[in-house]
């Protein structure tokens, strides 16, 4: 019998952090991305618990009731990694395997990079490890975008993306994001991370008449409720702290991810083109990479779109790592 899913609150540094927890055994942390919440991991929590693990999905800094990200200076990668180290302490766990999706994958990679003594292995979905460059992130992106549009640069301007969400309406915006970045969206309706000058955040996307079968209406409703209540600024501040994170991580330039690792992504993810170079070079910077798994037919939301395939790989990876 699968252990019940428990929702509780824990004190983590300066935060009152909300977590979902299921199962007993070695710890596996599951980190959500943007614009998402830990409820996206419910099927993964259940699968890991059934396999004999203690699976925990925190609501990270800046999201939901956890909060704590009104000031961009408190959203650096060192803050986000520090939150996860402190969470391990609160949970009474000396070590754990860390899994992340989207922005959560970036946090997971950096947990393994900076604190391999606490994070024994890392599995990342939809975002490969990208080593610190010699050029600050926004400068590099401006060089890439030229006179055109790139969504991360758009997110840098305080209030700009918030206005996009307000104009669209939270529910319509989230339905469009989930659909347009998924493998279900037709090519002409797929979300565009970049484009010519004047491109809008939701340009070309559509609000589907019916949600795809992998997208539970209850999950969408939970996201809508939380983002209507909190707004998007706390989550968007992660993007606005990218240059600060780059400055603070200067001592770690050239450091490889030494932990065992797994990377998975959907072949229809709109960000694949932008991730290509990092994917090709992944083993150079992650020497103990066990595998790169391409999930055919899936888009950006692989933990939801291909839950069974992803969870099977996650369980196999964690079991393999623990058996070493």
Protein backbone atom coordinates (compact mmCIF):
# COMPACT_ATOMS: atom_id res chain seq x y z
CA UNK A 1 0.00 0.00 0.00
CA UNK A 2 1.32 3.43 -0.95
CA UNK A 3 1.97 5.79 1.94
CA UNK A 4 -0.39 8.80 2.10
CA UNK A 5 0.57 12.18 0.69
CA UNK A 6 1.12 14.70 3.49
CA UNK A 7 1.15 18.49 3.22
CA UNK A 8 2.94 20.33 6.02
CA UNK A 9 4.95 23.42 6.92
CA UNK A 10 8.59 23.59 7.97
CA UNK A 11 10.83 26.48 9.07
CA UNK A 12 13.68 26.79 6.58
CA UNK A 13 16.08 29.68 7.25
CA UNK A 14 13.96 32.84 6.96
CA UNK A 15 11.05 31.00 5.32
CA UNK A 16 7.95 29.17 6.43
CA UNK A 17 8.09 26.58 3.64
CA UNK A 18 5.21 24.46 2.47
CA UNK A 19 6.13 20.89 1.43
CA UNK A 20 4.44 17.81 0.04
CA UNK A 21 5.83 14.56 1.43
CA UNK A 22 5.16 10.90 0.73
CA UNK A 23 6.86 7.63 1.68
CA UNK A 24 9.75 6.51 3.85
CA UNK A 25 13.33 5.65 3.01
CA UNK A 26 16.24 7.48 1.38
CA UNK A 27 15.35 11.08 0.57
CA UNK A 28 14.52 12.36 -2.92
CA UNK A 29 13.83 16.10 -3.30
CA UNK A 30 11.63 17.21 -6.22
CA UNK A 31 11.98 20.86 -7.26
CA UNK A 32 9.39 22.64 -9.42
CA UNK A 33 10.11 25.28 -12.04
CA UNK A 34 8.32 28.33 -13.52
CA UNK A 35 5.42 28.92 -13.40
CA UNK A 36 4.65 25.81 -11.42
CA UNK A 37 4.13 24.40 -7.94
CA UNK A 38 5.01 21.14 -6.16
CA UNK A 39 1.58 19.64 -6.96
CA UNK A 40 3.01 18.96 -10.44
CA UNK A 41 5.06 16.19 -8.81
CA UNK A 42 2.15 14.24 -7.28
CA UNK A 43 2.53 11.23 -9.56
CA UNK A 44 6.29 11.24 -9.09
CA UNK A 45 5.89 11.47 -5.31
CA UNK A 46 3.61 8.44 -5.38
CA UNK A 47 5.92 6.43 -7.67
CA UNK A 48 9.00 7.13 -5.55
CA UNK A 49 7.14 6.37 -2.32
CA UNK A 50 5.93 3.06 -3.75
CA UNK A 51 9.54 2.22 -4.66
CA UNK A 52 10.66 2.74 -1.06
CA UNK A 53 11.82 6.36 -0.95
CA UNK A 54 10.96 9.44 1.08
CA UNK A 55 9.87 11.90 -1.61
CA UNK A 56 9.58 15.58 -0.70
CA UNK A 57 8.46 18.44 -2.98
CA UNK A 58 8.91 21.92 -1.46
CA UNK A 59 7.19 25.13 -2.50
CA UNK A 60 10.35 27.08 -3.20
CA UNK A 61 11.25 30.66 -2.29
CA UNK A 62 9.01 33.15 -4.09
CA UNK A 63 6.19 30.73 -4.79
CA UNK A 64 2.83 30.17 -3.15
CA UNK A 65 2.57 30.62 0.60
CA UNK A 66 6.34 30.20 1.08
CA UNK A 67 7.04 33.72 -0.26
CA UNK A 68 10.33 35.36 0.67
CA UNK A 69 11.27 36.70 -2.76
CA UNK A 70 9.97 40.25 -2.87
CA UNK A 71 13.57 41.47 -2.98
CA UNK A 72 15.50 40.26 -6.03
CA UNK A 73 18.67 40.20 -3.93
CA UNK A 74 17.20 37.30 -1.95
CA UNK A 75 16.64 35.19 -5.07
CA UNK A 76 20.21 34.38 -6.07
CA UNK A 77 21.22 30.82 -6.82
CA UNK A 78 23.13 30.77 -3.52
CA UNK A 79 19.88 31.56 -1.70
CA UNK A 80 18.00 28.83 -3.59
CA UNK A 81 20.68 26.20 -2.99
CA UNK A 82 20.99 27.33 0.62
CA UNK A 83 17.25 26.79 1.07
CA UNK A 84 17.59 23.16 -0.05
CA UNK A 85 20.60 22.51 2.20
CA UNK A 86 18.64 23.96 5.13
CA UNK A 87 15.62 21.84 4.17
CA UNK A 88 17.76 18.70 4.41
CA UNK A 89 18.79 19.79 7.91
CA UNK A 90 15.17 20.36 8.95
CA UNK A 91 14.16 16.97 7.55
CA UNK A 92 16.99 15.35 9.51
CA UNK A 93 18.62 14.00 6.36
CA UNK A 94 22.40 14.13 5.90
CA UNK A 95 22.06 13.49 2.16
CA UNK A 96 19.51 13.21 -0.60
CA UNK A 97 19.02 12.83 -4.33
CA UNK A 98 17.78 16.05 -5.93
CA UNK A 99 15.46 16.15 -8.95
CA UNK A 100 14.42 19.35 -10.70
CA UNK A 101 12.34 20.54 -13.63
CA UNK A 102 12.84 23.80 -15.55
CA UNK A 103 14.15 26.38 -13.03
CA UNK A 104 14.07 23.62 -10.45
CA UNK A 105 16.57 21.77 -12.64
CA UNK A 106 18.95 24.73 -12.48
CA UNK A 107 18.67 24.68 -8.69
CA UNK A 108 19.20 20.91 -8.67
CA UNK A 109 22.33 21.14 -10.84
CA UNK A 110 23.75 23.81 -8.54
CA UNK A 111 22.90 21.81 -5.43
CA UNK A 112 25.01 18.99 -6.84
CA UNK A 113 27.71 21.40 -8.03
CA UNK A 114 28.13 23.35 -4.80
CA UNK A 115 27.20 20.77 -2.16
CA UNK A 116 27.98 17.31 -3.48
CA UNK A 117 28.50 16.26 0.15
CA UNK A 118 24.75 16.71 0.73
CA UNK A 119 23.30 15.89 -2.71
CA UNK A 120 24.55 12.48 -3.74
CA UNK A 121 22.99 12.51 -7.21
CA UNK A 122 21.01 14.80 -9.50
CA UNK A 123 18.28 14.24 -12.09
CA UNK A 124 17.32 17.22 -14.23
CA UNK A 125 14.34 17.60 -16.57
CA UNK A 126 14.04 20.13 -19.41
CA UNK A 127 17.13 22.17 -18.47
CA UNK A 128 20.68 20.87 -18.98
CA UNK A 129 23.60 22.03 -16.87
CA UNK A 130 25.22 25.13 -18.31
CA UNK A 131 28.58 26.14 -16.80
CA UNK A 132 29.21 29.70 -15.72
CA UNK A 133 30.37 31.76 -18.69
CA UNK A 134 32.86 34.61 -18.73
CA UNK A 135 30.07 36.98 -19.78
CA UNK A 136 27.11 37.92 -17.57
CA UNK A 137 23.89 36.16 -18.60
CA UNK A 138 21.89 39.19 -19.75
CA UNK A 139 24.79 40.43 -21.86
CA UNK A 140 25.12 37.03 -23.51
CA UNK A 141 21.37 36.94 -24.19
CA UNK A 142 21.38 40.43 -25.71
CA UNK A 143 24.15 39.30 -28.04
CA UNK A 144 22.03 36.28 -29.00
CA UNK A 145 18.80 38.25 -29.44
CA UNK A 146 20.27 41.27 -31.22
CA UNK A 147 17.40 43.64 -31.95
CA UNK A 148 14.88 40.84 -31.45
CA UNK A 149 12.84 39.45 -28.58
CA UNK A 150 13.93 36.83 -26.05
CA UNK A 151 11.57 36.02 -23.21
CA UNK A 152 14.23 35.98 -20.44
CA UNK A 153 15.27 39.51 -21.36
CA UNK A 154 11.63 40.56 -21.34
CA UNK A 155 11.32 39.08 -17.85
CA UNK A 156 14.17 41.30 -16.62
CA UNK A 157 12.08 44.46 -16.68
CA UNK A 158 10.15 44.80 -13.39
CA UNK A 159 6.44 44.75 -14.05
CA UNK A 160 6.61 43.88 -17.76
CA UNK A 161 5.77 40.18 -17.57
CA UNK A 162 3.40 40.83 -14.69
CA UNK A 163 1.47 43.13 -17.03
CA UNK A 164 1.33 40.38 -19.67
CA UNK A 165 -0.21 37.96 -17.19
CA UNK A 166 -2.66 40.59 -15.94
CA UNK A 167 -3.75 41.49 -19.47
CA UNK A 168 -4.28 37.84 -20.41
CA UNK A 169 -5.79 36.83 -17.07
CA UNK A 170 -4.12 34.27 -14.82
CA UNK A 171 -6.26 31.27 -15.79
CA UNK A 172 -6.08 31.90 -19.55
CA UNK A 173 -2.34 32.62 -19.30
CA UNK A 174 -1.56 29.41 -17.43
CA UNK A 175 -3.73 27.28 -19.71
CA UNK A 176 -1.91 28.77 -22.71
CA UNK A 177 1.54 28.23 -21.20
CA UNK A 178 0.86 24.61 -20.29
CA UNK A 179 -0.60 23.88 -23.73
CA UNK A 180 1.72 25.95 -25.95
CA UNK A 181 4.93 24.58 -24.42
CA UNK A 182 3.71 20.98 -24.54
CA UNK A 183 4.05 18.30 -27.18
CA UNK A 184 0.31 18.59 -27.90
CA UNK A 185 0.50 22.07 -29.40
CA UNK A 186 0.66 22.18 -33.20
CA UNK A 187 3.82 23.80 -34.53
CA UNK A 188 2.02 27.01 -35.50
CA UNK A 189 0.58 27.37 -31.97
CA UNK A 190 3.71 26.45 -30.04
CA UNK A 191 5.12 28.98 -27.60
CA UNK A 192 7.97 31.09 -29.03
CA UNK A 193 10.85 31.83 -26.65
CA UNK A 194 12.37 34.22 -29.17
CA UNK A 195 11.31 36.18 -32.21
CA UNK A 196 11.54 39.49 -34.03
CA UNK A 197 11.32 42.75 -32.15
CA UNK A 198 7.82 43.36 -30.87
CA UNK A 199 7.00 39.69 -30.23
CA UNK A 200 4.58 39.29 -27.30
CA UNK A 201 4.85 36.70 -24.53
CA UNK A 202 1.69 34.80 -25.52
CA UNK A 203 1.87 35.54 -29.24
CA UNK A 204 0.63 32.72 -31.44
CA UNK A 205 -0.61 30.62 -28.53
CA UNK A 206 -4.19 29.53 -27.97
CA UNK A 207 -6.40 28.65 -25.05
CA UNK A 208 -7.37 25.05 -25.87
CA UNK A 209 -11.07 24.15 -25.83
CA UNK A 210 -10.21 20.97 -23.94
CA UNK A 211 -7.21 20.37 -21.71
CA UNK A 212 -4.92 17.51 -22.79
CA UNK A 213 -5.44 14.28 -20.78
CA UNK A 214 -2.15 14.70 -18.90
CA UNK A 215 -3.19 18.11 -17.55
CA UNK A 216 -5.51 17.58 -14.59
CA UNK A 217 -8.07 20.41 -14.27
CA UNK A 218 -7.57 20.31 -10.49
CA UNK A 219 -3.85 20.94 -10.96
CA UNK A 220 -4.58 23.94 -13.18
CA UNK A 221 -7.07 25.25 -10.62
CA UNK A 222 -4.48 24.97 -7.84
CA UNK A 223 -2.00 26.97 -9.90
CA UNK A 224 -4.60 29.60 -10.75
CA UNK A 225 -5.65 30.00 -7.12
CA UNK A 226 -2.08 30.47 -5.91
CA UNK A 227 -0.93 32.86 -8.64
CA UNK A 228 -4.09 34.96 -8.37
CA UNK A 229 -3.34 35.28 -4.67
CA UNK A 230 0.42 35.93 -4.88
CA UNK A 231 1.02 37.33 -8.33
CA UNK A 232 4.09 36.40 -10.38
CA UNK A 233 6.73 38.81 -9.10
CA UNK A 234 8.32 36.44 -6.57
CA UNK A 235 8.75 33.76 -9.22
CA UNK A 236 9.93 36.19 -11.89
CA UNK A 237 12.55 37.57 -9.52
CA UNK A 238 14.51 34.34 -10.02
CA UNK A 239 15.10 35.55 -13.60
CA UNK A 240 15.92 39.06 -12.40
CA UNK A 241 18.59 37.68 -10.06
CA UNK A 242 20.48 35.85 -12.84
CA UNK A 243 23.23 38.45 -13.11
CA UNK A 244 23.58 38.56 -9.32
CA UNK A 245 23.91 34.77 -9.26
CA UNK A 246 26.58 35.02 -11.94
CA UNK A 247 28.53 37.50 -9.81
CA UNK A 248 28.24 35.43 -6.62
CA UNK A 249 29.29 32.16 -8.26
CA UNK A 250 32.56 33.51 -9.67
CA UNK A 251 34.65 31.35 -7.26
CA UNK A 252 33.16 28.20 -8.81
CA UNK A 253 33.93 28.89 -12.47
CA UNK A 254 35.13 25.76 -14.25
CA UNK A 255 33.94 23.44 -11.49
CA UNK A 256 32.25 20.31 -12.94
CA UNK A 257 29.18 18.60 -11.52
CA UNK A 258 30.87 15.60 -9.89
CA UNK A 259 27.72 13.76 -8.74
CA UNK A 260 26.05 10.97 -10.73
CA UNK A 261 23.47 12.56 -13.00
CA UNK A 262 20.51 11.91 -15.29
CA UNK A 263 19.06 14.34 -17.83
CA UNK A 264 15.67 14.05 -19.56
CA UNK A 265 13.86 16.32 -22.00
CA UNK A 266 11.00 16.22 -24.48
CA UNK A 267 11.83 16.29 -28.16
CA UNK A 268 8.98 18.79 -28.76
CA UNK A 269 10.09 21.23 -26.07
CA UNK A 270 10.12 24.73 -27.63
CA UNK A 271 13.38 25.40 -25.77
CA UNK A 272 15.27 22.48 -27.37
CA UNK A 273 16.86 24.73 -29.99
CA UNK A 274 18.16 27.04 -27.28
CA UNK A 275 19.41 24.08 -25.20
CA UNK A 276 21.17 22.25 -28.04
CA UNK A 277 24.73 23.34 -27.35
CA UNK A 278 24.45 22.66 -23.62
CA UNK A 279 22.98 19.20 -24.31
CA UNK A 280 25.75 18.31 -26.75
CA UNK A 281 28.43 19.41 -24.26
CA UNK A 282 26.73 18.02 -21.16
CA UNK A 283 29.08 15.11 -20.48
CA UNK A 284 32.08 17.44 -20.68
CA UNK A 285 30.78 19.34 -17.64
CA UNK A 286 28.97 16.43 -15.96
CA UNK A 287 31.51 13.59 -16.20
CA UNK A 288 29.37 11.11 -14.25
CA UNK A 289 26.31 11.61 -16.45
CA UNK A 290 24.59 8.22 -16.58
CA UNK A 291 22.26 8.96 -19.45
CA UNK A 292 20.48 11.60 -21.51
CA UNK A 293 16.91 10.48 -22.17
CA UNK A 294 14.86 12.01 -24.97
CA UNK A 295 11.12 11.65 -24.31
CA UNK A 296 9.52 11.38 -27.75
CA UNK A 297 6.31 13.31 -28.28
CA UNK A 298 6.65 15.34 -25.08
CA UNK A 299 7.21 19.04 -24.75
CA UNK A 300 8.46 21.10 -21.83
CA UNK A 301 6.21 19.60 -19.12
CA UNK A 302 7.75 16.13 -19.19
CA UNK A 303 6.90 15.22 -15.54
CA UNK A 304 3.24 15.65 -16.48
CA UNK A 305 3.14 14.76 -20.18
CA UNK A 306 5.12 11.54 -19.81
CA UNK A 307 4.72 10.79 -16.10
CA UNK A 308 5.00 7.00 -16.34
CA UNK A 309 8.12 7.06 -18.53
CA UNK A 310 9.76 9.77 -16.44
CA UNK A 311 8.94 8.12 -13.11
CA UNK A 312 10.22 4.75 -14.26
CA UNK A 313 13.54 6.35 -15.22
CA UNK A 314 13.71 8.31 -11.96
CA UNK A 315 13.14 5.22 -9.83
CA UNK A 316 15.71 3.24 -11.83
CA UNK A 317 18.25 6.05 -11.49
CA UNK A 318 17.81 6.48 -7.74
CA UNK A 319 17.96 2.71 -7.17
CA UNK A 320 21.09 2.47 -9.36
CA UNK A 321 22.77 5.30 -7.50
CA UNK A 322 22.02 3.84 -4.07
CA UNK A 323 23.31 0.43 -5.14
CA UNK A 324 26.72 1.80 -6.09
